[in-house]
């Protein structure tokens, strides 16, 4: 697998910059890093042809309830109508365990694949959270920093996992890339503080060069 670059986008302009810079996937969310408005997703879709994944999360925490799940299902339908290709979500239950039931309910019997968010990094029992994780329906990838903090603190754990299905996320720095690629990781999530095509292109070039050299 070659390097895959995931870029957070919140506006059509950011989507254009990400595509011009060479992003493989766009992750659409609001300015608050929550679910965006369907109209925003539609505008992003019109601005870019890159695979568009949309975040399904209405709270800043990872807990949820039945009413929110119902609303998220409605949003997912609206996002699909707006041109979304896939989704990203993840939840914890009252015991701070990965809520597989809610994740399975949201995934439902659909055609799209999805990414598990960093909710898994915040699960109280990590061994239990990761056990049989890939048995969740149509789960394509898992976003992780390797710990509840950031990549810098979880780097060794991610490298030890060495799974191409993991998306490295959480204050990812350029100096992490060679170590991660050498360890077998191939997917990287970046949240540019100041979005521009040259910034995205610099990440694209780094990932491609290190993959060619070390992969």
N, C-alpha and C. Protein backbone atom coordinates (compact mmCIF):
# COMPACT_ATOMS: atom_id res chain seq x y z
N UNK A 1 0.83 -1.20 0.00
CA UNK A 1 0.00 0.00 0.00
C UNK A 1 0.87 1.25 0.00
N UNK A 2 0.55 2.19 -0.89
CA UNK A 2 1.24 3.47 -0.86
C UNK A 2 0.70 4.32 0.27
N UNK A 3 1.34 5.44 0.53
CA UNK A 3 0.89 6.31 1.61
C UNK A 3 -0.44 6.96 1.28
N UNK A 4 -1.34 7.00 2.26
CA UNK A 4 -2.66 7.61 2.09
C UNK A 4 -2.76 8.82 3.01
N UNK A 5 -3.06 9.96 2.42
CA UNK A 5 -3.13 11.22 3.16
C UNK A 5 -4.58 11.65 3.35
N UNK A 6 -5.01 11.71 4.61
CA UNK A 6 -6.35 12.15 4.98
C UNK A 6 -6.26 13.59 5.48
N UNK A 7 -7.09 14.47 4.97
CA UNK A 7 -7.03 15.88 5.36
C UNK A 7 -8.39 16.35 5.87
N UNK A 8 -8.39 17.02 7.02
CA UNK A 8 -9.62 17.61 7.55
C UNK A 8 -9.99 18.83 6.71
N UNK A 9 -11.27 18.91 6.34
CA UNK A 9 -11.76 20.08 5.61
C UNK A 9 -13.07 20.55 6.24
N UNK A 10 -13.25 21.87 6.24
CA UNK A 10 -14.45 22.46 6.83
C UNK A 10 -15.18 23.37 5.86
N UNK A 11 -14.55 23.69 4.75
CA UNK A 11 -15.14 24.59 3.76
C UNK A 11 -14.81 24.10 2.36
N UNK A 12 -15.53 24.58 1.35
CA UNK A 12 -15.20 24.23 -0.03
C UNK A 12 -13.78 24.67 -0.40
N UNK A 13 -13.36 25.82 0.10
CA UNK A 13 -12.00 26.30 -0.19
C UNK A 13 -10.96 25.32 0.34
N UNK A 14 -11.14 24.84 1.57
CA UNK A 14 -10.19 23.88 2.12
C UNK A 14 -10.19 22.59 1.31
N UNK A 15 -11.35 22.19 0.83
CA UNK A 15 -11.44 20.99 0.00
C UNK A 15 -10.65 21.16 -1.29
N UNK A 16 -10.76 22.33 -1.90
CA UNK A 16 -10.01 22.61 -3.13
C UNK A 16 -8.51 22.58 -2.87
N UNK A 17 -8.10 23.19 -1.76
CA UNK A 17 -6.67 23.19 -1.40
C UNK A 17 -6.16 21.77 -1.17
N UNK A 18 -6.97 20.99 -0.46
CA UNK A 18 -6.56 19.62 -0.16
C UNK A 18 -6.42 18.79 -1.42
N UNK A 19 -7.37 18.93 -2.34
CA UNK A 19 -7.28 18.18 -3.59
C UNK A 19 -6.08 18.64 -4.42
N UNK A 20 -5.89 19.94 -4.52
CA UNK A 20 -4.76 20.46 -5.29
C UNK A 20 -3.44 20.00 -4.70
N UNK A 21 -3.40 19.88 -3.38
CA UNK A 21 -2.17 19.46 -2.71
C UNK A 21 -1.90 17.98 -2.77
N UNK A 22 -2.90 17.18 -3.18
CA UNK A 22 -2.68 15.75 -3.34
C UNK A 22 -3.28 14.87 -2.26
N UNK A 23 -4.29 15.36 -1.54
CA UNK A 23 -4.94 14.53 -0.53
C UNK A 23 -5.65 13.35 -1.18
N UNK A 24 -5.64 12.22 -0.48
CA UNK A 24 -6.34 11.03 -0.96
C UNK A 24 -7.78 10.98 -0.45
N UNK A 25 -7.99 11.55 0.73
CA UNK A 25 -9.32 11.56 1.33
C UNK A 25 -9.55 12.88 2.07
N UNK A 26 -10.78 13.35 2.00
CA UNK A 26 -11.19 14.53 2.74
C UNK A 26 -12.07 14.07 3.90
N UNK A 27 -11.83 14.63 5.08
CA UNK A 27 -12.66 14.33 6.24
C UNK A 27 -13.43 15.61 6.58
N UNK A 28 -14.71 15.63 6.29
CA UNK A 28 -15.52 16.83 6.48
C UNK A 28 -16.09 16.90 7.89
N UNK A 29 -15.94 18.08 8.51
CA UNK A 29 -16.48 18.33 9.83
C UNK A 29 -16.71 19.81 10.01
N UNK A 30 -17.30 20.20 11.12
CA UNK A 30 -17.57 21.60 11.38
C UNK A 30 -16.34 22.27 12.00
N UNK A 31 -16.44 23.58 12.21
CA UNK A 31 -15.35 24.31 12.86
C UNK A 31 -15.10 23.80 14.27
N UNK A 32 -16.12 23.20 14.87
CA UNK A 32 -16.00 22.67 16.24
C UNK A 32 -15.56 21.21 16.23
N UNK A 33 -15.18 20.70 15.06
CA UNK A 33 -14.79 19.30 14.90
C UNK A 33 -15.93 18.35 15.25
N UNK A 34 -17.13 18.74 14.82
CA UNK A 34 -18.32 17.91 14.97
C UNK A 34 -18.97 17.75 13.60
N UNK A 35 -20.13 17.11 13.56
CA UNK A 35 -20.81 16.90 12.27
C UNK A 35 -21.14 18.23 11.61
N UNK A 36 -20.84 18.36 10.32
CA UNK A 36 -21.14 19.60 9.61
C UNK A 36 -22.59 19.65 9.14
N UNK A 37 -23.01 20.79 8.64
CA UNK A 37 -24.33 20.91 8.05
C UNK A 37 -24.35 20.18 6.70
N UNK A 38 -25.44 19.52 6.36
CA UNK A 38 -25.53 18.86 5.06
C UNK A 38 -25.25 19.80 3.90
N UNK A 39 -25.65 21.05 4.01
CA UNK A 39 -25.39 22.01 2.95
C UNK A 39 -23.89 22.22 2.75
N UNK A 40 -23.15 22.22 3.86
CA UNK A 40 -21.69 22.35 3.77
C UNK A 40 -21.09 21.16 3.04
N UNK A 41 -21.58 19.96 3.36
CA UNK A 41 -21.09 18.75 2.69
C UNK A 41 -21.36 18.83 1.20
N UNK A 42 -22.53 19.31 0.83
CA UNK A 42 -22.88 19.45 -0.57
C UNK A 42 -21.93 20.40 -1.29
N UNK A 43 -21.60 21.52 -0.65
CA UNK A 43 -20.69 22.49 -1.25
C UNK A 43 -19.27 21.93 -1.36
N UNK A 44 -18.86 21.17 -0.35
CA UNK A 44 -17.54 20.54 -0.40
C UNK A 44 -17.48 19.53 -1.54
N UNK A 45 -18.56 18.75 -1.69
CA UNK A 45 -18.62 17.76 -2.77
C UNK A 45 -18.52 18.43 -4.14
N UNK A 46 -19.15 19.56 -4.30
CA UNK A 46 -19.10 20.27 -5.58
C UNK A 46 -17.72 20.86 -5.83
N UNK A 47 -16.97 21.13 -4.76
CA UNK A 47 -15.66 21.76 -4.90
C UNK A 47 -14.55 20.74 -5.13
N UNK A 48 -14.81 19.45 -4.87
CA UNK A 48 -13.75 18.44 -4.97
C UNK A 48 -14.32 17.09 -5.35
N UNK A 49 -13.54 16.33 -6.10
CA UNK A 49 -13.93 14.97 -6.50
C UNK A 49 -13.24 13.90 -5.66
N UNK A 50 -12.43 14.33 -4.68
CA UNK A 50 -11.71 13.38 -3.83
C UNK A 50 -12.69 12.66 -2.91
N UNK A 51 -12.38 11.41 -2.57
CA UNK A 51 -13.21 10.63 -1.66
C UNK A 51 -13.56 11.47 -0.43
N UNK A 52 -14.85 11.57 -0.13
CA UNK A 52 -15.33 12.44 0.95
C UNK A 52 -15.93 11.62 2.08
N UNK A 53 -15.27 11.68 3.23
CA UNK A 53 -15.75 11.01 4.43
C UNK A 53 -16.25 12.08 5.40
N UNK A 54 -17.40 11.81 6.03
CA UNK A 54 -18.02 12.81 6.90
C UNK A 54 -18.09 12.29 8.33
N UNK A 55 -17.77 13.17 9.28
CA UNK A 55 -17.81 12.81 10.69
C UNK A 55 -19.25 12.78 11.20
N UNK A 56 -19.60 11.70 11.89
CA UNK A 56 -20.90 11.58 12.55
C UNK A 56 -20.68 11.70 14.05
N UNK A 57 -20.81 12.91 14.55
CA UNK A 57 -20.62 13.16 15.99
C UNK A 57 -21.21 14.53 16.32
N UNK A 58 -22.11 14.56 17.30
CA UNK A 58 -22.80 15.80 17.65
C UNK A 58 -22.37 16.37 18.99
N UNK A 59 -21.55 15.63 19.73
CA UNK A 59 -21.08 16.08 21.03
C UNK A 59 -19.56 16.12 21.06
N UNK A 60 -19.02 16.94 21.94
CA UNK A 60 -17.56 17.00 22.07
C UNK A 60 -17.03 15.78 22.82
N UNK A 61 -17.91 15.09 23.53
CA UNK A 61 -17.54 13.84 24.20
C UNK A 61 -17.95 12.66 23.33
N UNK A 62 -17.52 11.46 23.72
CA UNK A 62 -17.80 10.27 22.92
C UNK A 62 -19.03 9.50 23.40
N UNK A 63 -19.74 10.03 24.40
CA UNK A 63 -20.96 9.35 24.84
C UNK A 63 -22.11 9.72 23.90
N UNK A 64 -23.18 8.96 23.96
CA UNK A 64 -24.33 9.22 23.10
C UNK A 64 -25.58 8.63 23.73
N UNK A 65 -26.73 8.82 23.09
CA UNK A 65 -27.98 8.23 23.55
C UNK A 65 -28.86 7.94 22.34
N UNK A 66 -30.01 7.33 22.60
CA UNK A 66 -30.87 6.93 21.50
C UNK A 66 -31.32 8.06 20.61
N UNK A 67 -31.63 9.21 21.22
CA UNK A 67 -32.09 10.35 20.44
C UNK A 67 -31.00 10.84 19.49
N UNK A 68 -29.77 10.87 19.99
CA UNK A 68 -28.67 11.33 19.13
C UNK A 68 -28.41 10.33 18.01
N UNK A 69 -28.48 9.04 18.31
CA UNK A 69 -28.25 8.03 17.28
C UNK A 69 -29.29 8.16 16.17
N UNK A 70 -30.54 8.41 16.56
CA UNK A 70 -31.59 8.61 15.56
C UNK A 70 -31.29 9.82 14.69
N UNK A 71 -30.84 10.89 15.32
CA UNK A 71 -30.49 12.09 14.56
C UNK A 71 -29.30 11.84 13.64
N UNK A 72 -28.32 11.09 14.12
CA UNK A 72 -27.15 10.79 13.30
C UNK A 72 -27.52 9.95 12.08
N UNK A 73 -28.47 9.03 12.25
CA UNK A 73 -28.93 8.24 11.10
C UNK A 73 -29.55 9.16 10.04
N UNK A 74 -30.33 10.13 10.50
CA UNK A 74 -30.92 11.08 9.57
C UNK A 74 -29.87 11.92 8.87
N UNK A 75 -28.86 12.35 9.64
CA UNK A 75 -27.77 13.13 9.05
C UNK A 75 -27.01 12.30 8.01
N UNK A 76 -26.76 11.04 8.33
CA UNK A 76 -26.04 10.18 7.40
C UNK A 76 -26.77 10.10 6.06
N UNK A 77 -28.08 9.96 6.12
CA UNK A 77 -28.87 9.92 4.90
C UNK A 77 -28.75 11.23 4.12
N UNK A 78 -28.79 12.35 4.84
CA UNK A 78 -28.65 13.66 4.19
C UNK A 78 -27.26 13.82 3.58
N UNK A 79 -26.26 13.33 4.28
CA UNK A 79 -24.89 13.43 3.77
C UNK A 79 -24.72 12.61 2.49
N UNK A 80 -25.31 11.43 2.48
CA UNK A 80 -25.24 10.60 1.27
C UNK A 80 -25.89 11.31 0.09
N UNK A 81 -27.02 11.94 0.34
CA UNK A 81 -27.70 12.71 -0.70
C UNK A 81 -26.83 13.87 -1.18
N UNK A 82 -26.00 14.38 -0.26
CA UNK A 82 -25.14 15.52 -0.59
C UNK A 82 -23.85 15.10 -1.28
N UNK A 83 -23.60 13.78 -1.36
CA UNK A 83 -22.42 13.30 -2.08
C UNK A 83 -21.34 12.66 -1.23
N UNK A 84 -21.62 12.39 0.05
CA UNK A 84 -20.63 11.72 0.90
C UNK A 84 -20.36 10.30 0.40
N UNK A 85 -19.11 9.85 0.57
CA UNK A 85 -18.72 8.50 0.15
C UNK A 85 -18.66 7.52 1.31
N UNK A 86 -18.35 8.02 2.51
CA UNK A 86 -18.23 7.14 3.67
C UNK A 86 -18.31 7.99 4.93
N UNK A 87 -18.21 7.33 6.10
CA UNK A 87 -18.38 8.04 7.36
C UNK A 87 -17.31 7.68 8.37
N UNK A 88 -17.26 8.52 9.40
CA UNK A 88 -16.31 8.32 10.49
C UNK A 88 -17.08 8.54 11.79
N UNK A 89 -17.01 7.57 12.71
CA UNK A 89 -17.69 7.72 13.99
C UNK A 89 -17.12 6.76 15.02
N UNK A 90 -17.49 6.96 16.27
CA UNK A 90 -17.04 6.10 17.35
C UNK A 90 -17.60 6.61 18.67
N UNK A 91 -18.00 5.68 19.55
CA UNK A 91 -18.66 6.07 20.79
C UNK A 91 -18.23 5.17 21.94
N UNK A 92 -18.33 5.73 23.14
CA UNK A 92 -18.06 4.98 24.37
C UNK A 92 -19.35 4.89 25.18
N UNK A 93 -19.51 3.78 25.89
CA UNK A 93 -20.68 3.63 26.75
C UNK A 93 -20.41 4.21 28.14
N UNK A 94 -21.33 4.03 29.05
CA UNK A 94 -21.22 4.62 30.39
C UNK A 94 -20.04 4.07 31.18
N UNK A 95 -19.54 2.90 30.78
CA UNK A 95 -18.39 2.30 31.47
C UNK A 95 -17.08 2.60 30.75
N UNK A 96 -17.13 3.58 29.84
CA UNK A 96 -15.95 3.99 29.08
C UNK A 96 -15.40 2.85 28.24
N UNK A 97 -16.30 1.99 27.77
CA UNK A 97 -15.93 0.93 26.84
C UNK A 97 -16.41 1.31 25.45
N UNK A 98 -15.73 0.81 24.44
CA UNK A 98 -16.17 1.07 23.08
C UNK A 98 -17.59 0.56 22.90
N UNK A 99 -18.48 1.43 22.45
CA UNK A 99 -19.89 1.06 22.30
C UNK A 99 -20.10 0.39 20.94
N UNK A 100 -19.84 -0.89 20.90
CA UNK A 100 -19.95 -1.65 19.66
C UNK A 100 -21.40 -1.70 19.17
N UNK A 101 -22.33 -1.71 20.13
CA UNK A 101 -23.73 -1.77 19.75
C UNK A 101 -24.16 -0.55 18.95
N UNK A 102 -23.79 0.63 19.42
CA UNK A 102 -24.14 1.85 18.71
C UNK A 102 -23.42 1.91 17.36
N UNK A 103 -22.16 1.55 17.34
CA UNK A 103 -21.40 1.56 16.07
C UNK A 103 -22.04 0.62 15.05
N UNK A 104 -22.44 -0.56 15.51
CA UNK A 104 -23.08 -1.53 14.62
C UNK A 104 -24.43 -1.01 14.14
N UNK A 105 -25.17 -0.35 15.03
CA UNK A 105 -26.47 0.20 14.65
C UNK A 105 -26.32 1.30 13.61
N UNK A 106 -25.33 2.17 13.80
CA UNK A 106 -25.12 3.24 12.82
C UNK A 106 -24.67 2.69 11.48
N UNK A 107 -23.80 1.69 11.52
CA UNK A 107 -23.33 1.10 10.27
C UNK A 107 -24.49 0.43 9.53
N UNK A 108 -25.35 -0.25 10.30
CA UNK A 108 -26.53 -0.86 9.71
C UNK A 108 -26.20 -1.79 8.55
N UNK A 109 -27.17 -1.98 7.69
CA UNK A 109 -27.01 -2.84 6.52
C UNK A 109 -26.88 -1.95 5.29
N UNK A 110 -25.78 -1.22 5.24
CA UNK A 110 -25.56 -0.23 4.19
C UNK A 110 -24.47 -0.70 3.23
N UNK A 111 -24.14 0.14 2.26
CA UNK A 111 -23.10 -0.21 1.29
C UNK A 111 -21.76 0.45 1.59
N UNK A 112 -21.79 1.50 2.42
CA UNK A 112 -20.57 2.28 2.65
C UNK A 112 -19.70 1.69 3.77
N UNK A 113 -18.40 1.93 3.64
CA UNK A 113 -17.45 1.56 4.69
C UNK A 113 -17.29 2.74 5.65
N UNK A 114 -16.63 2.50 6.77
CA UNK A 114 -16.49 3.58 7.75
C UNK A 114 -15.18 3.45 8.52
N UNK A 115 -14.84 4.56 9.17
CA UNK A 115 -13.63 4.64 9.99
C UNK A 115 -14.02 4.85 11.44
N UNK A 116 -13.40 4.11 12.33
CA UNK A 116 -13.61 4.30 13.77
C UNK A 116 -12.74 5.47 14.23
N UNK A 117 -13.33 6.42 14.94
CA UNK A 117 -12.60 7.60 15.39
C UNK A 117 -11.67 7.27 16.57
N UNK A 118 -11.05 8.32 17.07
CA UNK A 118 -10.15 8.15 18.22
C UNK A 118 -10.90 7.89 19.52
N UNK A 119 -12.19 7.65 19.43
CA UNK A 119 -12.92 7.21 20.63
C UNK A 119 -12.23 6.00 21.25
N UNK A 120 -11.68 5.15 20.40
CA UNK A 120 -11.03 3.93 20.89
C UNK A 120 -9.82 4.25 21.76
N UNK A 121 -9.14 5.36 21.49
CA UNK A 121 -7.99 5.75 22.30
C UNK A 121 -8.38 6.09 23.73
N UNK A 122 -9.65 6.44 23.92
CA UNK A 122 -10.12 6.90 25.23
C UNK A 122 -10.89 5.81 25.99
N UNK A 123 -10.94 4.62 25.43
CA UNK A 123 -11.57 3.50 26.13
C UNK A 123 -10.75 3.13 27.36
N UNK A 124 -11.42 2.81 28.45
CA UNK A 124 -10.72 2.53 29.71
C UNK A 124 -9.87 1.28 29.61
N UNK A 125 -10.42 0.23 29.02
CA UNK A 125 -9.69 -1.04 28.87
C UNK A 125 -9.27 -1.17 27.40
N UNK A 126 -8.03 -0.86 27.11
CA UNK A 126 -7.56 -0.86 25.73
C UNK A 126 -7.54 -2.25 25.12
N UNK A 127 -7.15 -3.24 25.90
CA UNK A 127 -7.09 -4.60 25.38
C UNK A 127 -8.48 -5.06 24.94
N UNK A 128 -9.48 -4.76 25.75
CA UNK A 128 -10.85 -5.14 25.42
C UNK A 128 -11.36 -4.35 24.22
N UNK A 129 -11.00 -3.07 24.15
CA UNK A 129 -11.48 -2.22 23.06
C UNK A 129 -10.97 -2.70 21.71
N UNK A 130 -9.73 -3.16 21.66
CA UNK A 130 -9.13 -3.57 20.39
C UNK A 130 -9.44 -5.03 20.03
N UNK A 131 -9.93 -5.80 20.98
CA UNK A 131 -10.21 -7.21 20.73
C UNK A 131 -11.27 -7.36 19.65
N UNK A 132 -10.96 -8.10 18.63
CA UNK A 132 -11.90 -8.39 17.53
C UNK A 132 -12.50 -7.13 16.91
N UNK A 133 -11.73 -6.03 16.92
CA UNK A 133 -12.26 -4.76 16.41
C UNK A 133 -12.66 -4.85 14.95
N UNK A 134 -11.94 -5.67 14.19
CA UNK A 134 -12.19 -5.74 12.75
C UNK A 134 -13.42 -6.59 12.41
N UNK A 135 -14.07 -7.12 13.45
CA UNK A 135 -15.31 -7.86 13.20
C UNK A 135 -16.52 -6.92 13.08
N UNK A 136 -16.34 -5.65 13.40
CA UNK A 136 -17.44 -4.69 13.25
C UNK A 136 -17.80 -4.58 11.77
N UNK A 137 -19.08 -4.49 11.45
CA UNK A 137 -19.51 -4.52 10.04
C UNK A 137 -18.93 -3.39 9.20
N UNK A 138 -18.24 -3.77 8.13
CA UNK A 138 -17.70 -2.86 7.12
C UNK A 138 -16.70 -1.84 7.66
N UNK A 139 -16.13 -2.13 8.82
CA UNK A 139 -15.10 -1.23 9.36
C UNK A 139 -13.88 -1.30 8.45
N UNK A 140 -13.46 -0.16 7.94
CA UNK A 140 -12.36 -0.10 6.98
C UNK A 140 -11.04 0.30 7.63
N UNK A 141 -11.11 1.18 8.62
CA UNK A 141 -9.89 1.69 9.23
C UNK A 141 -10.19 2.24 10.62
N UNK A 142 -9.13 2.42 11.41
CA UNK A 142 -9.27 2.96 12.76
C UNK A 142 -8.29 4.12 12.93
N UNK A 143 -8.81 5.23 13.39
CA UNK A 143 -7.98 6.41 13.62
C UNK A 143 -7.44 6.35 15.05
N UNK A 144 -6.12 6.50 15.23
CA UNK A 144 -5.54 6.36 16.56
C UNK A 144 -4.23 7.14 16.69
N UNK A 145 -3.99 7.56 17.93
CA UNK A 145 -2.70 8.15 18.28
C UNK A 145 -1.87 7.16 19.08
N UNK A 146 -2.44 5.98 19.30
CA UNK A 146 -1.74 4.97 20.08
C UNK A 146 -1.92 5.12 21.58
N UNK A 147 -2.62 6.19 21.99
CA UNK A 147 -2.89 6.45 23.40
C UNK A 147 -3.94 7.55 23.47
N UNK A 148 -4.35 7.92 24.68
CA UNK A 148 -5.37 8.95 24.84
C UNK A 148 -4.82 10.35 24.65
N UNK A 149 -3.51 10.49 24.55
CA UNK A 149 -2.91 11.81 24.36
C UNK A 149 -2.66 12.04 22.87
N UNK A 150 -1.40 12.18 22.46
CA UNK A 150 -1.11 12.48 21.06
C UNK A 150 -0.11 11.45 20.51
N UNK A 151 0.18 11.58 19.22
CA UNK A 151 1.07 10.62 18.55
C UNK A 151 2.43 10.56 19.23
N UNK A 152 2.93 11.68 19.67
CA UNK A 152 4.25 11.71 20.31
C UNK A 152 4.33 10.72 21.47
N UNK A 153 3.25 10.64 22.25
CA UNK A 153 3.23 9.74 23.40
C UNK A 153 2.87 8.30 23.01
N UNK A 154 2.14 8.13 21.91
CA UNK A 154 1.71 6.80 21.52
C UNK A 154 2.48 6.18 20.37
N UNK A 155 3.54 6.85 19.95
CA UNK A 155 4.29 6.43 18.76
C UNK A 155 4.75 4.98 18.83
N UNK A 156 5.36 4.59 19.93
CA UNK A 156 5.88 3.22 20.05
C UNK A 156 4.77 2.19 19.93
N UNK A 157 3.61 2.50 20.52
CA UNK A 157 2.48 1.56 20.48
C UNK A 157 1.96 1.40 19.06
N UNK A 158 1.86 2.51 18.32
CA UNK A 158 1.38 2.43 16.93
C UNK A 158 2.35 1.61 16.08
N UNK A 159 3.63 1.89 16.24
CA UNK A 159 4.63 1.18 15.45
C UNK A 159 4.62 -0.31 15.77
N UNK A 160 4.41 -0.63 17.05
CA UNK A 160 4.35 -2.05 17.44
C UNK A 160 3.16 -2.75 16.78
N UNK A 161 2.06 -2.01 16.59
CA UNK A 161 0.89 -2.59 15.93
C UNK A 161 1.17 -2.84 14.46
N UNK A 162 1.80 -1.87 13.79
CA UNK A 162 2.23 -2.03 12.40
C UNK A 162 1.14 -2.44 11.43
N UNK A 163 -0.07 -1.93 11.61
CA UNK A 163 -1.21 -2.33 10.80
C UNK A 163 -1.55 -1.23 9.79
N UNK A 164 -1.56 -1.57 8.51
CA UNK A 164 -1.85 -0.59 7.46
C UNK A 164 -3.26 -0.02 7.54
N UNK A 165 -4.13 -0.69 8.26
CA UNK A 165 -5.51 -0.20 8.38
C UNK A 165 -5.65 0.91 9.41
N UNK A 166 -4.61 1.16 10.17
CA UNK A 166 -4.63 2.24 11.16
C UNK A 166 -4.34 3.58 10.48
N UNK A 167 -5.09 4.60 10.87
CA UNK A 167 -4.84 5.97 10.41
C UNK A 167 -4.20 6.71 11.58
N UNK A 168 -2.96 7.12 11.43
CA UNK A 168 -2.26 7.80 12.51
C UNK A 168 -2.78 9.23 12.62
N UNK A 169 -3.24 9.60 13.81
CA UNK A 169 -3.87 10.91 13.99
C UNK A 169 -3.63 11.41 15.41
N UNK A 170 -3.57 12.72 15.54
CA UNK A 170 -3.41 13.31 16.87
C UNK A 170 -2.12 14.10 16.97
N UNK A 171 -2.14 15.33 16.48
CA UNK A 171 -0.96 16.20 16.49
C UNK A 171 0.23 15.51 15.81
N UNK A 172 -0.04 14.93 14.66
CA UNK A 172 1.00 14.26 13.87
C UNK A 172 2.02 15.29 13.38
N UNK A 173 3.30 14.98 13.55
CA UNK A 173 4.38 15.86 13.13
C UNK A 173 5.16 15.24 11.98
N UNK A 174 5.82 16.07 11.20
CA UNK A 174 6.57 15.56 10.05
C UNK A 174 7.67 14.59 10.48
N UNK A 175 8.28 14.84 11.64
CA UNK A 175 9.36 13.96 12.08
C UNK A 175 8.88 12.57 12.47
N UNK A 176 7.57 12.42 12.66
CA UNK A 176 7.03 11.09 12.98
C UNK A 176 6.95 10.18 11.74
N UNK A 177 6.81 10.79 10.58
CA UNK A 177 6.51 10.04 9.36
C UNK A 177 7.53 8.94 9.04
N UNK A 178 8.84 9.22 9.02
CA UNK A 178 9.79 8.15 8.70
C UNK A 178 9.69 6.95 9.65
N UNK A 179 9.53 7.22 10.94
CA UNK A 179 9.43 6.14 11.91
C UNK A 179 8.17 5.31 11.68
N UNK A 180 7.08 5.99 11.40
CA UNK A 180 5.81 5.29 11.18
C UNK A 180 5.84 4.44 9.92
N UNK A 181 6.36 5.00 8.85
CA UNK A 181 6.43 4.25 7.60
C UNK A 181 7.36 3.06 7.74
N UNK A 182 8.46 3.26 8.41
CA UNK A 182 9.38 2.14 8.65
C UNK A 182 8.69 1.04 9.46
N UNK A 183 7.75 1.45 10.32
CA UNK A 183 7.04 0.49 11.15
C UNK A 183 5.85 -0.15 10.47
N UNK A 184 5.59 0.22 9.20
CA UNK A 184 4.53 -0.42 8.45
C UNK A 184 3.23 0.36 8.36
N UNK A 185 3.19 1.56 8.94
CA UNK A 185 1.99 2.38 8.86
C UNK A 185 1.96 3.10 7.51
N UNK A 186 0.75 3.28 6.97
CA UNK A 186 0.64 3.88 5.63
C UNK A 186 -0.45 4.94 5.52
N UNK A 187 -1.20 5.18 6.60
CA UNK A 187 -2.28 6.15 6.52
C UNK A 187 -2.09 7.24 7.58
N UNK A 188 -2.26 8.49 7.15
CA UNK A 188 -1.94 9.61 8.02
C UNK A 188 -3.01 10.70 7.92
N UNK A 189 -3.42 11.21 9.08
CA UNK A 189 -4.46 12.24 9.15
C UNK A 189 -3.84 13.55 9.60
N UNK A 190 -4.09 14.60 8.81
CA UNK A 190 -3.49 15.91 9.09
C UNK A 190 -4.59 16.96 9.20
N UNK A 191 -4.47 17.83 10.20
CA UNK A 191 -5.38 18.95 10.40
C UNK A 191 -4.59 20.25 10.26
N UNK A 192 -4.40 20.73 9.03
CA UNK A 192 -3.59 21.95 8.84
C UNK A 192 -4.20 23.13 9.59
N UNK A 193 -3.38 23.81 10.36
CA UNK A 193 -3.85 24.99 11.09
C UNK A 193 -4.17 26.13 10.14
N UNK A 194 -3.40 26.20 9.08
CA UNK A 194 -3.63 27.19 8.03
C UNK A 194 -3.65 26.44 6.70
N UNK A 195 -4.84 26.29 6.14
CA UNK A 195 -4.99 25.44 4.96
C UNK A 195 -4.50 26.13 3.69
N UNK A 196 -3.68 25.43 2.95
CA UNK A 196 -3.26 25.88 1.63
C UNK A 196 -2.78 24.67 0.85
N UNK A 197 -2.82 24.76 -0.47
CA UNK A 197 -2.36 23.65 -1.30
C UNK A 197 -0.88 23.34 -1.06
N UNK A 198 0.00 24.35 -0.92
CA UNK A 198 1.41 24.05 -0.66
C UNK A 198 1.64 23.28 0.64
N UNK A 199 0.85 23.59 1.68
CA UNK A 199 1.01 22.87 2.95
C UNK A 199 0.62 21.40 2.77
N UNK A 200 -0.49 21.15 2.12
CA UNK A 200 -0.91 19.77 1.87
C UNK A 200 0.10 19.07 0.97
N UNK A 201 0.59 19.79 -0.04
CA UNK A 201 1.56 19.21 -0.97
C UNK A 201 2.85 18.81 -0.27
N UNK A 202 3.25 19.59 0.74
CA UNK A 202 4.46 19.26 1.49
C UNK A 202 4.29 17.94 2.24
N UNK A 203 3.12 17.72 2.82
CA UNK A 203 2.84 16.44 3.47
C UNK A 203 2.80 15.31 2.45
N UNK A 204 2.17 15.56 1.31
CA UNK A 204 2.09 14.56 0.24
C UNK A 204 3.49 14.14 -0.21
N UNK A 205 4.35 15.12 -0.43
CA UNK A 205 5.71 14.84 -0.90
C UNK A 205 6.48 14.04 0.15
N UNK A 206 6.37 14.44 1.41
CA UNK A 206 7.08 13.75 2.48
C UNK A 206 6.64 12.30 2.57
N UNK A 207 5.35 12.06 2.57
CA UNK A 207 4.84 10.69 2.68
C UNK A 207 5.27 9.85 1.49
N UNK A 208 5.18 10.41 0.29
CA UNK A 208 5.56 9.66 -0.91
C UNK A 208 7.05 9.35 -0.92
N UNK A 209 7.86 10.34 -0.57
CA UNK A 209 9.31 10.14 -0.59
C UNK A 209 9.74 9.11 0.45
N UNK A 210 9.16 9.19 1.65
CA UNK A 210 9.54 8.25 2.71
C UNK A 210 9.02 6.84 2.41
N UNK A 211 7.83 6.76 1.81
CA UNK A 211 7.30 5.45 1.43
C UNK A 211 8.18 4.79 0.38
N UNK A 212 8.63 5.60 -0.60
CA UNK A 212 9.50 5.07 -1.66
C UNK A 212 10.86 4.64 -1.09
N UNK A 213 11.33 5.41 -0.12
CA UNK A 213 12.67 5.14 0.44
C UNK A 213 12.66 4.00 1.45
N UNK A 214 11.62 3.95 2.29
CA UNK A 214 11.61 3.01 3.39
C UNK A 214 10.60 1.88 3.23
N UNK A 215 9.58 2.15 2.38
CA UNK A 215 8.51 1.16 2.25
C UNK A 215 8.92 -0.06 1.49
